């Protein structure tokens, strides 16, 4: 992997961690690794080992494909659909309008 690819992977990990309001310390605890290792991953300093990739994808609730490539998988979409079914009708309508807006910009 190139340095740029490692940095992109790190950015995706850091962004998702922050979306979930998790600290690097908490992620490190859940992964049973050092905080320095999580920091190195997020900065793109080191490549991620397969076992750590699996752990962090489960902790962050995103696919390994998304972490590595930035592309969402069918499983990611299914998770989103499940979340949508839990919304109130008003919130669902708001998401529908946002989706329509985003599609109209293409």
C-alpha atoms as a PDB file:
ATOM      1  CA  UNK A   1       0.000   0.000   0.000  1.00  0.00           C
ATOM      2  CA  UNK A   2       1.139   3.498  -0.742  1.00  0.00           C
ATOM      3  CA  UNK A   3       1.523   6.187   1.865  1.00  0.00           C
ATOM      4  CA  UNK A   4      -1.443   8.068   0.369  1.00  0.00           C
ATOM      5  CA  UNK A   5      -3.647   4.957   0.600  1.00  0.00           C
ATOM      6  CA  UNK A   6      -2.666   4.425   4.227  1.00  0.00           C
ATOM      7  CA  UNK A   7      -3.535   8.045   4.992  1.00  0.00           C
ATOM      8  CA  UNK A   8      -6.953   7.666   3.326  1.00  0.00           C
ATOM      9  CA  UNK A   9      -7.633   4.538   5.372  1.00  0.00           C
ATOM     10  CA  UNK A  10      -6.617   6.413   8.504  1.00  0.00           C
ATOM     11  CA  UNK A  11      -8.903   9.322   7.673  1.00  0.00           C
ATOM     12  CA  UNK A  12     -11.878   6.989   7.225  1.00  0.00           C
ATOM     13  CA  UNK A  13     -11.144   5.301  10.556  1.00  0.00           C
ATOM     14  CA  UNK A  14     -10.730   8.619  12.392  1.00  0.00           C
ATOM     15  CA  UNK A  15     -13.857  10.114  10.829  1.00  0.00           C
ATOM     16  CA  UNK A  16     -16.022   7.165  11.801  1.00  0.00           C
ATOM     17  CA  UNK A  17     -14.536   7.035  15.304  1.00  0.00           C
ATOM     18  CA  UNK A  18     -15.394  10.698  15.784  1.00  0.00           C
ATOM     19  CA  UNK A  19     -18.922  10.187  14.396  1.00  0.00           C
ATOM     20  CA  UNK A  20     -19.433   7.613  17.132  1.00  0.00           C
ATOM     21  CA  UNK A  21     -17.941   9.938  19.768  1.00  0.00           C
ATOM     22  CA  UNK A  22     -15.258   7.397  20.615  1.00  0.00           C
ATOM     23  CA  UNK A  23     -11.814   8.350  21.808  1.00  0.00           C
ATOM     24  CA  UNK A  24      -8.664   6.723  20.531  1.00  0.00           C
ATOM     25  CA  UNK A  25      -8.243   5.368  24.051  1.00  0.00           C
ATOM     26  CA  UNK A  26     -11.654   3.687  23.979  1.00  0.00           C
ATOM     27  CA  UNK A  27     -11.019   2.144  20.558  1.00  0.00           C
ATOM     28  CA  UNK A  28      -7.623   0.921  21.736  1.00  0.00           C
ATOM     29  CA  UNK A  29      -9.241  -0.664  24.811  1.00  0.00           C
ATOM     30  CA  UNK A  30     -11.896  -2.378  22.698  1.00  0.00           C
ATOM     31  CA  UNK A  31      -9.257  -3.638  20.255  1.00  0.00           C
ATOM     32  CA  UNK A  32      -6.856  -4.627  23.050  1.00  0.00           C
ATOM     33  CA  UNK A  33      -4.035  -2.593  21.479  1.00  0.00           C
ATOM     34  CA  UNK A  34      -2.107   0.522  22.458  1.00  0.00           C
ATOM     35  CA  UNK A  35      -3.400   4.039  21.908  1.00  0.00           C
ATOM     36  CA  UNK A  36      -0.228   4.628  19.893  1.00  0.00           C
ATOM     37  CA  UNK A  37      -1.270   1.877  17.470  1.00  0.00           C
ATOM     38  CA  UNK A  38      -4.674   3.493  16.912  1.00  0.00           C
ATOM     39  CA  UNK A  39      -2.983   6.860  16.453  1.00  0.00           C
ATOM     40  CA  UNK A  40      -0.562   5.357  13.923  1.00  0.00           C
ATOM     41  CA  UNK A  41      -3.468   3.835  11.978  1.00  0.00           C
ATOM     42  CA  UNK A  42      -5.380   7.106  11.880  1.00  0.00           C
ATOM     43  CA  UNK A  43      -2.323   9.026  10.729  1.00  0.00           C
ATOM     44  CA  UNK A  44      -1.544   6.435   8.060  1.00  0.00           C
ATOM     45  CA  UNK A  45       1.861   5.730   9.558  1.00  0.00           C
ATOM     46  CA  UNK A  46       1.457   1.956   9.602  1.00  0.00           C
ATOM     47  CA  UNK A  47      -0.533  -0.590   7.626  1.00  0.00           C
ATOM     48  CA  UNK A  48      -3.317  -2.349   9.471  1.00  0.00           C
ATOM     49  CA  UNK A  49      -3.046  -6.060  10.208  1.00  0.00           C
ATOM     50  CA  UNK A  50      -5.961  -8.193   9.069  1.00  0.00           C
ATOM     51  CA  UNK A  51      -7.030  -9.156  12.587  1.00  0.00           C
ATOM     52  CA  UNK A  52      -7.017  -5.496  13.647  1.00  0.00           C
ATOM     53  CA  UNK A  53      -8.925  -4.531  10.490  1.00  0.00           C
ATOM     54  CA  UNK A  54     -11.669  -6.961  11.441  1.00  0.00           C
ATOM     55  CA  UNK A  55     -11.751  -5.754  15.046  1.00  0.00           C
ATOM     56  CA  UNK A  56     -11.930  -2.076  14.153  1.00  0.00           C
ATOM     57  CA  UNK A  57     -14.603  -2.618  11.505  1.00  0.00           C
ATOM     58  CA  UNK A  58     -16.778  -4.352  14.100  1.00  0.00           C
ATOM     59  CA  UNK A  59     -16.136  -1.644  16.701  1.00  0.00           C
ATOM     60  CA  UNK A  60     -16.885   1.167  14.248  1.00  0.00           C
ATOM     61  CA  UNK A  61     -19.806  -0.627  12.598  1.00  0.00           C
ATOM     62  CA  UNK A  62     -18.441  -0.264   9.080  1.00  0.00           C
ATOM     63  CA  UNK A  63     -17.275  -2.813   6.553  1.00  0.00           C
ATOM     64  CA  UNK A  64     -13.666  -3.716   5.982  1.00  0.00           C
ATOM     65  CA  UNK A  65     -14.265  -2.826   2.328  1.00  0.00           C
ATOM     66  CA  UNK A  66     -15.219   0.703   3.303  1.00  0.00           C
ATOM     67  CA  UNK A  67     -12.174   1.078   5.527  1.00  0.00           C
ATOM     68  CA  UNK A  68      -9.826  -0.132   2.784  1.00  0.00           C
ATOM     69  CA  UNK A  69     -11.451   1.368  -0.332  1.00  0.00           C
ATOM     70  CA  UNK A  70     -13.914   4.015   0.788  1.00  0.00           C
ATOM     71  CA  UNK A  71     -16.698   2.180  -1.064  1.00  0.00           C
ATOM     72  CA  UNK A  72     -19.833   1.057   0.717  1.00  0.00           C
ATOM     73  CA  UNK A  73     -20.985  -2.532   0.381  1.00  0.00           C
ATOM     74  CA  UNK A  74     -24.426  -4.085   0.231  1.00  0.00           C
ATOM     75  CA  UNK A  75     -24.097  -4.852   3.933  1.00  0.00           C
ATOM     76  CA  UNK A  76     -23.500  -1.144   4.655  1.00  0.00           C
ATOM     77  CA  UNK A  77     -26.680  -0.327   2.751  1.00  0.00           C
ATOM     78  CA  UNK A  78     -28.640  -2.984   4.632  1.00  0.00           C
ATOM     79  CA  UNK A  79     -27.512  -1.486   7.936  1.00  0.00           C
ATOM     80  CA  UNK A  80     -28.723   1.917   6.738  1.00  0.00           C
ATOM     81  CA  UNK A  81     -32.067   0.437   5.724  1.00  0.00           C
ATOM     82  CA  UNK A  82     -32.472  -1.069   9.170  1.00  0.00           C
ATOM     83  CA  UNK A  83     -31.795   2.332  10.734  1.00  0.00           C
ATOM     84  CA  UNK A  84     -34.372   3.945   8.438  1.00  0.00           C
ATOM     85  CA  UNK A  85     -37.074   1.540   9.607  1.00  0.00           C
ATOM     86  CA  UNK A  86     -36.584   2.824  13.161  1.00  0.00           C
ATOM     87  CA  UNK A  87     -37.217   6.476  12.280  1.00  0.00           C
ATOM     88  CA  UNK A  88     -40.427   8.354  12.944  1.00  0.00           C
ATOM     89  CA  UNK A  89     -42.468   9.211   9.876  1.00  0.00           C
ATOM     90  CA  UNK A  90     -41.388  12.876  10.059  1.00  0.00           C
ATOM     91  CA  UNK A  91     -37.713  11.944  10.328  1.00  0.00           C
ATOM     92  CA  UNK A  92     -38.081   9.456   7.482  1.00  0.00           C
ATOM     93  CA  UNK A  93     -39.641  12.175   5.306  1.00  0.00           C
ATOM     94  CA  UNK A  94     -36.723  14.481   6.139  1.00  0.00           C
ATOM     95  CA  UNK A  95     -34.204  11.811   5.079  1.00  0.00           C
ATOM     96  CA  UNK A  96     -36.225  11.201   1.916  1.00  0.00           C
ATOM     97  CA  UNK A  97     -36.074  14.913   1.031  1.00  0.00           C
ATOM     98  CA  UNK A  98     -32.338  15.004   1.716  1.00  0.00           C
ATOM     99  CA  UNK A  99     -31.827  11.953  -0.492  1.00  0.00           C
ATOM    100  CA  UNK A 100     -33.837  13.517  -3.309  1.00  0.00           C
ATOM    101  CA  UNK A 101     -31.788  16.712  -2.999  1.00  0.00           C
ATOM    102  CA  UNK A 102     -28.500  14.803  -3.157  1.00  0.00           C
ATOM    103  CA  UNK A 103     -29.653  12.837  -6.199  1.00  0.00           C
ATOM    104  CA  UNK A 104     -30.779  15.983  -7.989  1.00  0.00           C
ATOM    105  CA  UNK A 105     -27.245  17.425  -7.773  1.00  0.00           C
ATOM    106  CA  UNK A 106     -25.824  14.665  -9.986  1.00  0.00           C
END
